[in-house]
Amino acid sequence: MMSRLRSAVVKGKKGPMETLGTTISTRKRSKTSVKAEPTTALLPSSSYHTFSDPADVVRLRSQLLRWYDKDQRELPWRTLAVTESDINIKTYAVWVSEIMLQQTQVATVKDYYNRWMKRWPTVQDLAAATIEEVNQMWAGLGYYSRGRRLHEGAQKVVSELKGQMPRTVDDLLKQLPGVGRYTAAAIGSIALGQVTGAVDGNVIRVLCRLRAIGADSTSPGVTEALWGLANLLVEPERPGDFNQAMMELGARVCTPKGPLCSQCPVQSHCRSYHKVHVKQEQNAKKLLGELNMPDIEDCVNGGACSLCPSEPWDDRLGVQNFPRKPAKKAPRAERTLTCVVTRPGGEGAEEYLLVQRPHKGLLAGLWEFPSLLLQEDQTEAKQKSALCEQVSRILRSTLTGHLLQYVGEVVHIFSHIHQTYVVYSLCLKERDVTTAEPGKERWVTRSGLQEAAVSTGLKKIVKLFDAVNSLKEKTSKDGKRRKPEGLKINKRSTKKGRMTGADGGGGGRQLSLSSFFKTVKEESS
């Protein structure tokens, strides 16, 4: 299969090509240039951070594509982009892959992509789906707004664009929600054959090392310089393959840590590698007391250059001196109370209460257990009482905190939030004592819970809940307490205002609402 795909690529089985940005080519091109958005590179007068010799550019293109043709990974979206003859389906398929690959590893995306394309092979199929179905398909992939935007975009293509995907980078940017500069360039080059560079995180790292760009790669000036370089280097005859080759190089060879410089097909063009090599020679000759040492080629603008690093060279980092990124902002810490509410199902199986999150914001539109963000200025007793009140509102019944049993804590890391779920359970023995508002709340069986559009954090909560229940069952059978294997359960503090023990004083009993209120009445009398 791979040999057939590569043969097709080399023979130039691509769509019409248009030129974006600045390119250097040995061929004259008569096609009109098209600009997706301004890409004027803010390069300094020094040629150190760019490619001033057209012959170097031609060699780099040839070396990189030769390596890519030989060593590229076989990925489903690449196969489809080469074999699909329908330009509308090809553009849609590449769009789906690029959105899924945002902030997500290739290994994770492959199965999701295959399932998605099997269920919705065309943009019309996706447009006809419900947002609930999309969320369900996306569950576990993270950054859930991406799936929603794909769905919105598909509906827009069908309703406003007569079912035709945009045909230029500029139109992709303007007409598809959630599509930015990189995504439009990637789709345009891979699916439509438009000659434009594409700068993602992997490409940023490759370009910074190739041209020794050490300034903050997120700053506007450096960003524009990198786009200028990408547009300069892209191969006009195979723009999609060239961009994917740059990404592949960054993902597999020019990695953030432990780069494999000895395997790099464009090592001869890399200023970072050359600098490391010369530094090593200098250090060795210093130890031997030799005076004649090789010179290191550096930017002539020195400290005045906006692309040079502001920090001194670190021998321990080697090529990892480029790029230098600003320190990451630490994610904010949040603690959320959540309650796993269960009741007997119609045939005796347990049912779980789910509520839907708002349609905007974090985990928009997904289903979760009743939850409440912890307030720092409240005692845990008050916070538990607040959670109980929230569950009471959802169930349209009057409950008190004694019904809630402490389960444990689950940590889940979002990109910007370090979330700790403090998990309680509420086990109802009577089926018909509560109601749920259709559309906003639902009772689901265990199989329904597994199929629902829920987050990875909720799945972790279910795993903890199951483990604790399993522990209780074992304890009740032989009287011995056992920790569930592979699970660390946080112990509770005995300080004032905090619960003691794993069941919060409830003794682990399951009470019906009627028997519970009877117990409360007896305690208060």
Protein backbone atom coordinates (compact mmCIF):
# COMPACT_ATOMS: atom_id res chain seq x y z
CA MET A 1 0.00 0.00 0.00
CA MET A 2 2.73 2.48 0.99
CA SER A 3 4.69 1.97 -2.23
CA ARG A 4 1.52 2.63 -4.25
CA LEU A 5 0.76 5.78 -2.24
CA ARG A 6 4.28 7.12 -2.60
CA SER A 7 4.23 6.40 -6.31
CA ALA A 8 0.99 8.35 -6.63
CA VAL A 9 2.45 11.26 -4.69
CA VAL A 10 5.69 11.38 -6.69
CA LYS A 11 3.72 11.35 -9.93
CA GLY A 12 2.00 14.49 -8.72
CA LYS A 13 -1.58 13.29 -8.29
CA LYS A 14 -2.65 16.53 -6.66
CA GLY A 15 -5.31 19.13 -7.15
CA PRO A 16 -4.72 22.57 -8.71
CA MET A 17 -1.89 24.42 -7.01
CA GLU A 18 -1.74 28.09 -6.11
CA THR A 19 1.15 30.02 -4.60
CA LEU A 20 0.93 31.45 -1.10
CA GLY A 21 3.69 33.58 0.37
CA THR A 22 7.30 33.65 -0.82
CA THR A 23 8.77 30.59 -2.55
CA ILE A 24 12.09 29.85 -4.22
CA SER A 25 11.86 27.50 -7.17
CA THR A 26 13.96 26.58 -10.18
CA ARG A 27 10.73 26.53 -12.23
CA LYS A 28 8.80 29.55 -13.40
CA ARG A 29 5.18 29.50 -12.33
CA SER A 30 2.42 31.28 -14.21
CA LYS A 31 -0.30 30.81 -11.61
CA THR A 32 -1.57 33.81 -9.70
CA SER A 33 -0.45 34.13 -6.10
CA VAL A 34 -3.12 33.94 -3.42
CA LYS A 35 -2.68 35.16 0.15
CA ALA A 36 -4.55 33.64 3.07
CA GLU A 37 -3.44 36.43 5.35
CA PRO A 38 -0.35 38.67 5.57
CA THR A 39 2.79 36.62 6.11
CA THR A 40 5.46 39.31 5.85
CA ALA A 41 8.46 37.93 7.72
CA LEU A 42 10.07 40.33 10.18
CA LEU A 43 13.54 38.96 9.48
CA PRO A 44 16.60 41.03 10.40
CA SER A 45 19.04 42.19 7.75
CA SER A 46 21.41 39.36 8.70
CA SER A 47 20.97 36.24 6.54
CA TYR A 48 21.86 34.07 9.52
CA HIS A 49 18.25 33.28 10.41
CA THR A 50 17.00 32.63 6.88
CA PHE A 51 18.05 30.91 3.64
CA SER A 52 19.71 33.36 1.28
CA ASP A 53 20.96 30.82 -1.27
CA PRO A 54 18.20 29.32 -3.48
CA ALA A 55 20.37 26.24 -4.02
CA ASP A 56 20.26 25.49 -0.27
CA VAL A 57 16.47 25.61 -0.35
CA VAL A 58 16.30 23.21 -3.29
CA ARG A 59 18.66 20.78 -1.54
CA LEU A 60 16.71 20.91 1.72
CA ARG A 61 13.44 20.18 -0.07
CA SER A 62 14.95 17.23 -1.90
CA GLN A 63 16.60 15.74 1.21
CA LEU A 64 13.49 16.10 3.35
CA LEU A 65 11.07 14.65 0.79
CA ARG A 66 13.40 11.74 0.00
CA TRP A 67 13.43 10.87 3.70
CA TYR A 68 9.65 11.30 3.96
CA ASP A 69 8.94 9.07 0.96
CA LYS A 70 11.03 6.36 2.54
CA ASP A 71 10.17 6.63 6.25
CA GLN A 72 6.75 8.25 6.62
CA ARG A 73 4.21 6.63 8.92
CA GLU A 74 1.15 5.07 7.33
CA LEU A 75 -1.75 7.06 8.79
CA PRO A 76 -5.42 6.77 7.78
CA TRP A 77 -5.86 10.44 6.89
CA ARG A 78 -2.74 10.37 4.70
CA THR A 79 -4.00 7.29 2.88
CA LEU A 80 -7.39 8.91 2.29
CA ALA A 81 -5.84 12.21 1.11
CA VAL A 82 -3.88 10.36 -1.59
CA THR A 83 -6.49 7.80 -2.70
CA GLU A 84 -9.70 9.87 -2.54
CA SER A 85 -10.60 11.39 -5.93
CA ASP A 86 -13.58 13.46 -4.72
CA ILE A 87 -12.09 16.85 -3.75
CA ASN A 88 -15.02 17.59 -1.43
CA ILE A 89 -14.57 14.36 0.55
CA LYS A 90 -10.79 14.76 0.57
CA THR A 91 -11.02 18.31 1.96
CA TYR A 92 -13.55 17.23 4.59
CA ALA A 93 -11.41 14.24 5.61
CA VAL A 94 -8.25 16.34 6.02
CA TRP A 95 -10.23 18.95 7.96
CA VAL A 96 -11.46 16.29 10.40
CA SER A 97 -7.93 14.92 10.90
CA GLU A 98 -6.39 18.35 11.49
CA ILE A 99 -9.01 19.30 14.09
CA MET A 100 -8.59 15.97 15.90
CA LEU A 101 -4.80 16.30 15.88
CA GLN A 102 -4.87 19.67 17.64
CA GLN A 103 -3.21 19.16 21.04
CA THR A 104 -3.67 15.39 20.70
CA GLN A 105 -1.19 12.61 19.94
CA VAL A 106 -1.34 10.71 16.65
CA ALA A 107 -1.65 7.34 18.43
CA THR A 108 -4.78 8.56 20.25
CA VAL A 109 -6.38 10.09 17.17
CA LYS A 110 -6.15 7.11 14.79
CA ASP A 111 -8.99 5.04 16.29
CA TYR A 112 -11.22 8.08 16.77
CA TYR A 113 -10.61 9.15 13.17
CA ASN A 114 -11.43 5.74 11.74
CA ARG A 115 -14.66 5.49 13.75
CA TRP A 116 -15.65 9.05 12.81
CA MET A 117 -15.07 8.60 9.07
CA LYS A 118 -16.88 5.26 9.09
CA ARG A 119 -19.95 6.84 10.69
CA TRP A 120 -19.84 10.21 8.86
CA PRO A 121 -17.87 9.73 5.61
CA THR A 122 -19.07 13.02 4.07
CA VAL A 123 -19.73 16.52 5.31
CA GLN A 124 -23.44 15.96 4.61
CA ASP A 125 -23.46 12.94 6.92
CA LEU A 126 -21.89 14.96 9.74
CA ALA A 127 -24.29 17.85 9.23
CA ALA A 128 -27.25 15.48 9.64
CA ALA A 129 -25.96 14.18 12.99
CA THR A 130 -27.07 15.60 16.35
CA ILE A 131 -24.68 17.39 18.66
CA GLU A 132 -25.36 14.65 21.21
CA GLU A 133 -24.10 12.03 18.75
CA VAL A 134 -21.02 14.13 18.01
CA ASN A 135 -20.24 14.60 21.70
CA GLN A 136 -20.69 10.89 22.26
CA MET A 137 -18.28 10.04 19.43
CA TRP A 138 -15.77 12.63 20.71
CA ALA A 139 -15.95 11.50 24.37
CA GLY A 140 -12.48 10.87 25.77
CA LEU A 141 -10.61 12.79 23.05
CA GLY A 142 -10.48 16.03 25.06
CA TYR A 143 -10.88 19.70 24.07
CA TYR A 144 -14.54 19.02 23.36
CA SER A 145 -15.25 22.34 21.65
CA ARG A 146 -13.39 20.95 18.63
CA GLY A 147 -16.08 18.37 17.92
CA ARG A 148 -18.80 20.98 18.32
CA ARG A 149 -17.07 23.29 15.84
CA LEU A 150 -16.68 20.51 13.31
CA HIS A 151 -20.42 19.88 13.58
CA GLU A 152 -21.23 23.60 13.28
CA GLY A 153 -18.92 23.88 10.28
CA ALA A 154 -20.50 20.90 8.54
CA GLN A 155 -23.97 22.37 9.00
CA LYS A 156 -22.75 25.70 7.63
CA VAL A 157 -21.21 24.01 4.57
CA VAL A 158 -24.49 22.23 3.84
CA SER A 159 -26.85 25.14 4.57
CA GLU A 160 -24.80 28.10 3.28
CA LEU A 161 -22.23 26.68 0.85
CA LYS A 162 -24.46 24.19 -0.99
CA GLY A 163 -22.54 21.27 0.47
CA GLN A 164 -19.23 22.34 -1.09
CA MET A 165 -16.16 22.62 1.13
CA PRO A 166 -14.16 25.86 0.71
CA ARG A 167 -11.55 25.62 -2.04
CA THR A 168 -8.92 28.14 -0.90
CA VAL A 169 -6.97 28.82 2.27
CA ASP A 170 -8.61 32.23 2.54
CA ASP A 171 -12.11 30.73 2.33
CA LEU A 172 -11.24 27.99 4.82
CA LEU A 173 -10.22 30.69 7.28
CA LYS A 174 -13.33 32.78 6.73
CA GLN A 175 -15.99 30.13 6.42
CA LEU A 176 -15.16 27.31 8.85
CA PRO A 177 -15.53 27.86 12.62
CA GLY A 178 -12.50 26.85 14.65
CA VAL A 179 -10.14 26.96 11.65
CA GLY A 180 -7.14 29.22 12.16
CA ARG A 181 -4.05 30.07 10.18
CA TYR A 182 -2.24 26.75 10.59
CA THR A 183 -5.30 24.54 10.08
CA ALA A 184 -6.32 26.41 6.92
CA ALA A 185 -2.79 26.14 5.53
CA ALA A 186 -2.58 22.42 6.34
CA ILE A 187 -5.94 21.64 4.71
CA GLY A 188 -5.14 23.89 1.75
CA SER A 189 -1.76 22.32 1.05
CA ILE A 190 -2.66 18.66 1.74
CA ALA A 191 -6.15 18.48 0.24
CA LEU A 192 -6.15 21.30 -2.31
CA GLY A 193 -2.49 21.44 -3.37
CA GLN A 194 -2.10 25.12 -2.50
CA VAL A 195 1.50 26.22 -2.08
CA THR A 196 1.67 27.54 1.46
CA GLY A 197 3.78 26.76 4.47
CA ALA A 198 2.10 25.38 7.59
CA VAL A 199 3.51 26.22 11.01
CA ASP A 200 2.48 24.04 13.94
CA GLY A 201 4.39 23.20 17.14
CA ASN A 202 6.59 20.61 15.44
CA VAL A 203 7.44 22.93 12.56
CA ILE A 204 8.25 25.78 14.96
CA ARG A 205 10.84 23.58 16.67
CA VAL A 206 12.38 22.40 13.37
CA LEU A 207 12.65 25.92 11.92
CA CYS A 208 14.03 27.41 15.14
CA ARG A 209 16.79 24.80 15.23
CA LEU A 210 17.54 24.97 11.52
CA ARG A 211 18.07 28.73 11.67
CA ALA A 212 19.10 29.16 15.34
CA ILE A 213 16.05 31.20 16.32
CA GLY A 214 16.08 31.38 20.10
CA ALA A 215 13.71 34.24 20.90
CA ASP A 216 10.25 33.56 22.34
CA SER A 217 8.57 31.51 19.60
CA THR A 218 5.13 32.71 20.70
CA SER A 219 5.91 36.41 20.14
CA PRO A 220 4.35 38.10 17.07
CA GLY A 221 7.69 38.96 15.47
CA VAL A 222 9.05 35.43 15.73
CA THR A 223 5.73 33.96 14.58
CA GLU A 224 5.80 36.04 11.41
CA ALA A 225 9.45 35.16 10.80
CA LEU A 226 8.64 31.45 11.07
CA TRP A 227 5.73 31.73 8.65
CA GLY A 228 8.01 33.58 6.25
CA LEU A 229 10.53 30.75 6.48
CA ALA A 230 7.85 28.09 6.01
CA ASN A 231 6.54 29.82 2.89
CA LEU A 232 10.08 30.19 1.60
CA LEU A 233 10.91 26.49 1.97
CA VAL A 234 7.69 24.76 0.88
CA GLU A 235 8.05 22.60 -2.25
CA PRO A 236 5.74 24.06 -4.94
CA GLU A 237 5.16 20.70 -6.64
CA ARG A 238 4.36 18.81 -3.41
CA PRO A 239 3.27 21.36 -0.79
CA GLY A 240 1.13 18.96 1.25
CA ASP A 241 3.84 16.32 1.42
CA PHE A 242 6.48 18.90 2.30
CA ASN A 243 4.41 20.28 5.18
CA GLN A 244 3.66 16.79 6.48
CA ALA A 245 7.36 15.92 6.16
CA MET A 246 8.27 18.94 8.31
CA MET A 247 5.73 17.87 10.93
CA GLU A 248 6.94 14.27 10.77
CA LEU A 249 10.53 15.42 11.23
CA GLY A 250 9.57 17.38 14.35
CA ALA A 251 7.47 14.54 15.75
CA ARG A 252 9.98 11.72 15.24
CA VAL A 253 13.49 13.15 14.88
CA CYS A 254 13.74 16.80 15.93
CA THR A 255 11.86 16.10 19.16
CA PRO A 256 11.54 18.46 22.16
CA LYS A 257 13.81 16.25 24.27
CA GLY A 258 16.42 13.77 23.09
CA PRO A 259 16.47 14.84 19.43
CA LEU A 260 17.98 12.25 17.05
CA CYS A 261 20.36 14.58 15.22
CA SER A 262 22.34 11.68 13.71
CA GLN A 263 19.17 10.57 11.87
CA CYS A 264 18.16 14.02 10.62
CA PRO A 265 17.93 14.21 6.79
CA VAL A 266 18.56 17.99 6.81
CA GLN A 267 21.34 18.04 9.41
CA SER A 268 23.70 19.85 7.01
CA HIS A 269 21.35 22.87 7.03
CA CYS A 270 20.99 23.03 10.82
CA ARG A 271 22.73 26.00 12.44
CA SER A 272 21.95 24.63 15.91
CA TYR A 273 23.66 21.31 15.18
CA HIS A 274 26.66 23.10 13.68
CA LYS A 275 26.95 25.34 16.74
CA VAL A 276 26.87 22.34 19.10
CA HIS A 277 29.57 20.60 17.05
CA VAL A 278 31.86 23.64 17.06
CA LYS A 279 31.28 24.23 20.79
CA GLN A 280 32.29 20.64 21.50
CA GLU A 281 35.48 21.08 19.45
CA GLN A 282 36.32 24.31 21.27
CA ASN A 283 35.79 22.74 24.68
CA ALA A 284 37.97 19.77 23.75
CA LYS A 285 40.80 22.00 22.49
CA LYS A 286 40.60 24.15 25.60
CA LEU A 287 41.19 21.06 27.73
CA LEU A 288 44.23 20.23 25.57
CA GLY A 289 45.53 23.80 25.80
CA GLU A 290 45.30 24.41 22.04
CA LEU A 291 44.98 28.00 20.93
CA ASN A 292 43.68 27.56 17.37
CA MET A 293 39.97 26.88 17.72
CA PRO A 294 37.22 26.97 15.10
CA ASP A 295 35.00 30.03 14.98
CA ILE A 296 31.27 29.80 15.58
CA GLU A 297 29.17 31.50 12.95
CA ASP A 298 26.69 33.76 14.71
CA CYS A 299 24.16 36.42 13.81
CA VAL A 300 25.98 39.66 12.93
CA ASN A 301 23.31 41.71 14.67
CA GLY A 302 24.17 40.13 18.02
CA GLY A 303 22.12 41.40 20.92
CA ALA A 304 20.08 43.71 18.68
CA CYS A 305 18.52 40.81 16.75
CA SER A 306 14.89 40.09 17.56
CA LEU A 307 15.31 36.39 16.69
CA CYS A 308 18.42 35.61 18.74
CA PRO A 309 18.05 34.10 22.22
CA SER A 310 18.07 36.51 25.15
CA GLU A 311 19.54 33.86 27.45
CA PRO A 312 23.17 32.66 27.27
CA TRP A 313 24.08 29.39 25.54
CA ASP A 314 23.78 26.30 27.75
CA ASP A 315 26.17 23.48 26.77
CA ARG A 316 23.97 20.94 28.57
CA LEU A 317 21.02 21.68 26.29
CA GLY A 318 22.79 21.42 22.95
CA VAL A 319 20.32 21.96 20.09
CA GLN A 320 17.59 22.23 22.71
CA ASN A 321 18.79 25.80 23.27
CA PHE A 322 16.44 26.46 20.34
CA PRO A 323 13.70 27.38 20.72
CA ARG A 324 13.61 28.89 24.17
CA LYS A 325 10.06 29.06 25.43
CA PRO A 326 8.73 31.20 28.26
CA ALA A 327 7.93 29.37 31.48
CA LYS A 328 4.53 27.70 31.37
CA LYS A 329 1.86 29.20 33.54
CA ALA A 330 0.95 26.69 36.25
CA PRO A 331 -2.62 25.36 35.94
CA ARG A 332 -4.99 26.67 38.55
CA ALA A 333 -6.06 24.19 41.21
CA GLU A 334 -9.76 23.46 41.65
CA ARG A 335 -11.66 21.05 43.89
CA THR A 336 -15.11 19.91 42.88
CA LEU A 337 -17.64 17.97 44.93
CA THR A 338 -19.42 15.35 42.87
CA CYS A 339 -22.07 12.81 43.77
CA VAL A 340 -22.69 9.43 42.14
CA VAL A 341 -26.45 8.99 42.54
CA THR A 342 -27.82 5.51 41.85
CA ARG A 343 -31.23 3.83 42.04
CA PRO A 344 -32.68 0.41 41.14
CA GLY A 345 -33.42 0.06 37.44
CA GLY A 346 -36.52 -1.33 35.81
CA GLU A 347 -35.13 -4.88 35.82
CA GLY A 348 -33.11 -4.59 39.00
CA ALA A 349 -29.95 -3.18 37.40
CA GLU A 350 -28.57 0.06 38.82
CA GLU A 351 -29.27 3.35 37.08
CA TYR A 352 -27.08 6.46 37.36
CA LEU A 353 -28.20 10.08 37.42
CA LEU A 354 -26.50 12.34 34.86
CA VAL A 355 -26.91 16.09 34.35
CA GLN A 356 -25.85 18.00 31.25
CA ARG A 357 -23.21 20.71 31.42
CA PRO A 358 -23.88 24.14 29.85
CA HIS A 359 -23.41 24.34 26.08
CA LYS A 360 -20.55 26.81 26.47
CA GLY A 361 -17.34 26.61 28.46
CA LEU A 362 -15.35 23.65 29.79
CA LEU A 363 -16.69 20.23 28.69
CA ALA A 364 -19.60 22.00 27.01
CA GLY A 365 -22.67 19.83 26.48
CA LEU A 366 -21.22 16.71 28.09
CA TRP A 367 -22.98 14.71 30.79
CA GLU A 368 -21.67 14.45 34.35
CA PHE A 369 -22.68 13.45 37.86
CA PRO A 370 -24.23 16.25 39.98
CA SER A 371 -21.28 18.47 40.90
CA LEU A 372 -20.42 21.65 42.75
CA LEU A 373 -17.22 23.69 42.73
CA LEU A 374 -15.71 23.88 46.22
CA GLN A 375 -15.46 27.33 47.78
CA GLU A 376 -12.27 27.97 49.75
CA ASP A 377 -13.98 30.06 52.42
CA GLN A 378 -16.39 27.28 53.45
CA THR A 379 -15.88 24.37 55.82
CA GLU A 380 -16.24 20.93 54.34
CA ALA A 381 -19.44 20.36 56.31
CA LYS A 382 -21.00 23.43 54.68
CA GLN A 383 -19.73 22.40 51.27
CA LYS A 384 -21.17 18.93 51.67
CA SER A 385 -24.45 20.49 52.73
CA ALA A 386 -24.38 22.65 49.59
CA LEU A 387 -23.82 19.55 47.43
CA CYS A 388 -26.73 17.86 49.18
CA GLU A 389 -28.95 20.86 48.44
CA GLN A 390 -27.93 20.73 44.78
CA VAL A 391 -28.73 17.02 44.52
CA SER A 392 -32.05 17.70 46.27
CA ARG A 393 -32.94 20.33 43.67
CA ILE A 394 -32.12 17.96 40.83
CA LEU A 395 -34.11 15.09 42.39
CA ARG A 396 -36.90 17.46 43.50
CA SER A 397 -36.78 15.85 46.93
CA THR A 398 -35.60 16.92 50.37
CA LEU A 399 -32.34 15.27 51.44
CA THR A 400 -29.78 15.81 54.18
CA GLY A 401 -26.05 15.21 54.25
CA HIS A 402 -26.32 11.91 56.14
CA LEU A 403 -27.37 10.21 52.92
CA LEU A 404 -24.12 11.13 51.16
CA GLN A 405 -21.33 8.58 51.61
CA TYR A 406 -17.72 9.64 51.12
CA VAL A 407 -16.01 7.62 48.36
CA GLY A 408 -12.60 9.22 47.77
CA GLU A 409 -10.77 11.69 45.55
CA VAL A 410 -9.88 11.63 41.86
CA VAL A 411 -7.35 13.92 40.18
CA HIS A 412 -7.77 14.89 36.53
CA ILE A 413 -5.49 17.35 34.72
CA PHE A 414 -6.85 19.69 32.08
CA SER A 415 -4.49 21.93 30.09
CA HIS A 416 -5.16 24.88 32.42
CA ILE A 417 -6.84 23.29 35.46
CA HIS A 418 -5.57 20.81 38.04
CA GLN A 419 -8.93 19.34 39.01
CA THR A 420 -9.57 17.23 42.12
CA TYR A 421 -12.98 15.57 42.35
CA VAL A 422 -14.13 14.89 45.91
CA VAL A 423 -16.50 11.99 45.32
CA TYR A 424 -19.61 11.07 47.32
CA SER A 425 -22.32 8.55 46.58
CA LEU A 426 -26.05 8.48 47.18
CA CYS A 427 -27.73 5.09 46.82
CA LEU A 428 -31.53 5.23 46.61
CA LYS A 429 -33.49 2.04 47.29
CA GLU A 430 -36.78 3.19 45.82
CA ARG A 431 -37.11 3.82 42.10
CA ASP A 432 -40.01 6.25 41.88
CA VAL A 433 -39.27 8.72 44.67
CA THR A 434 -37.55 11.21 42.34
CA THR A 435 -38.11 12.85 38.99
CA ALA A 436 -35.73 14.21 36.38
CA GLU A 437 -36.28 17.12 33.98
CA PRO A 438 -36.18 15.77 30.42
CA GLY A 439 -33.33 17.19 28.36
CA LYS A 440 -31.29 18.37 31.33
CA GLU A 441 -31.15 15.24 33.49
CA ARG A 442 -31.38 11.57 32.73
CA TRP A 443 -31.18 8.18 34.40
CA VAL A 444 -28.99 5.73 32.49
CA THR A 445 -28.07 2.08 32.94
CA ARG A 446 -24.45 0.99 33.25
CA SER A 447 -24.25 0.27 29.53
CA GLY A 448 -25.88 3.64 28.84
CA LEU A 449 -23.31 5.31 31.06
CA GLN A 450 -20.49 3.75 29.04
CA GLU A 451 -22.03 4.95 25.77
CA ALA A 452 -22.98 8.46 26.93
CA ALA A 453 -21.03 11.60 26.01
CA VAL A 454 -19.02 11.83 29.22
CA SER A 455 -15.52 13.07 30.03
CA THR A 456 -12.43 11.08 30.96
CA GLY A 457 -12.70 12.59 34.45
CA LEU A 458 -16.12 11.00 34.93
CA LYS A 459 -14.76 7.63 33.83
CA LYS A 460 -12.08 7.91 36.53
CA ILE A 461 -14.80 8.66 39.09
CA VAL A 462 -16.73 5.55 38.03
CA LYS A 463 -13.56 3.47 38.38
CA LEU A 464 -13.06 4.74 41.93
CA PHE A 465 -16.74 4.17 42.78
CA ASP A 466 -16.56 0.58 41.52
CA ALA A 467 -13.34 -0.11 43.43
CA VAL A 468 -14.76 1.17 46.73
CA ASN A 469 -17.98 -0.80 46.25
CA SER A 470 -15.94 -3.90 45.54
CA LEU A 471 -13.98 -3.31 48.74
CA LYS A 472 -17.18 -2.95 50.78
CA GLU A 473 -18.57 -6.19 49.35
CA LYS A 474 -15.40 -8.09 50.27
CA THR A 475 -15.39 -6.55 53.75
CA SER A 476 -19.01 -7.49 54.38
CA LYS A 477 -18.36 -11.11 53.34
CA ASP A 478 -15.30 -11.96 55.47
CA GLY A 479 -15.02 -9.02 57.86
CA LYS A 480 -11.53 -8.05 56.62
CA ARG A 481 -10.77 -4.66 55.13
CA ARG A 482 -8.84 -4.72 51.86
CA LYS A 483 -7.57 -1.92 49.68
CA PRO A 484 -8.66 -2.25 46.06
CA GLU A 485 -5.66 -3.21 43.93
CA GLY A 486 -3.96 -0.40 42.01
CA LEU A 487 -5.95 2.34 43.76
CA LYS A 488 -4.86 4.84 46.36
CA ILE A 489 -7.73 6.05 48.52
CA ASN A 490 -7.11 9.32 50.34
CA LYS A 491 -7.57 9.13 54.10
CA ARG A 492 -9.79 11.72 55.71
CA SER A 493 -8.62 14.15 58.35
CA THR A 494 -10.19 14.02 61.82
CA LYS A 495 -9.92 17.79 62.30
CA LYS A 496 -12.99 19.75 63.30
CA GLY A 497 -15.29 20.34 60.37
CA ARG A 498 -14.04 17.29 58.45
CA MET A 499 -15.51 13.82 58.24
CA THR A 500 -13.78 10.77 59.66
CA GLY A 501 -13.73 7.35 58.05
CA ALA A 502 -14.52 6.36 54.50
CA ASP A 503 -18.29 6.43 54.89
CA GLY A 504 -18.67 9.77 56.53
CA GLY A 505 -20.44 8.35 59.54
CA GLY A 506 -23.21 6.76 57.48
CA GLY A 507 -22.15 3.22 58.28
CA GLY A 508 -22.40 2.22 54.60
CA ARG A 509 -26.15 1.47 54.85
CA GLN A 510 -28.46 2.06 51.90
CA LEU A 511 -31.60 3.86 53.05
CA SER A 512 -34.85 4.46 51.27
CA LEU A 513 -36.03 8.06 51.50
CA SER A 514 -39.00 7.12 53.68
CA SER A 515 -36.86 5.21 56.18
CA PHE A 516 -34.30 8.01 56.17
CA PHE A 517 -36.83 10.68 57.14
CA LYS A 518 -38.11 8.40 59.89
CA THR A 519 -34.56 8.11 61.24
CA VAL A 520 -34.07 11.87 61.12
CA LYS A 521 -37.32 12.45 63.01
CA GLU A 522 -36.27 10.05 65.76
CA GLU A 523 -32.83 11.75 66.06
CA SER A 524 -34.33 15.24 66.35
CA SER A 525 -36.92 14.32 68.99
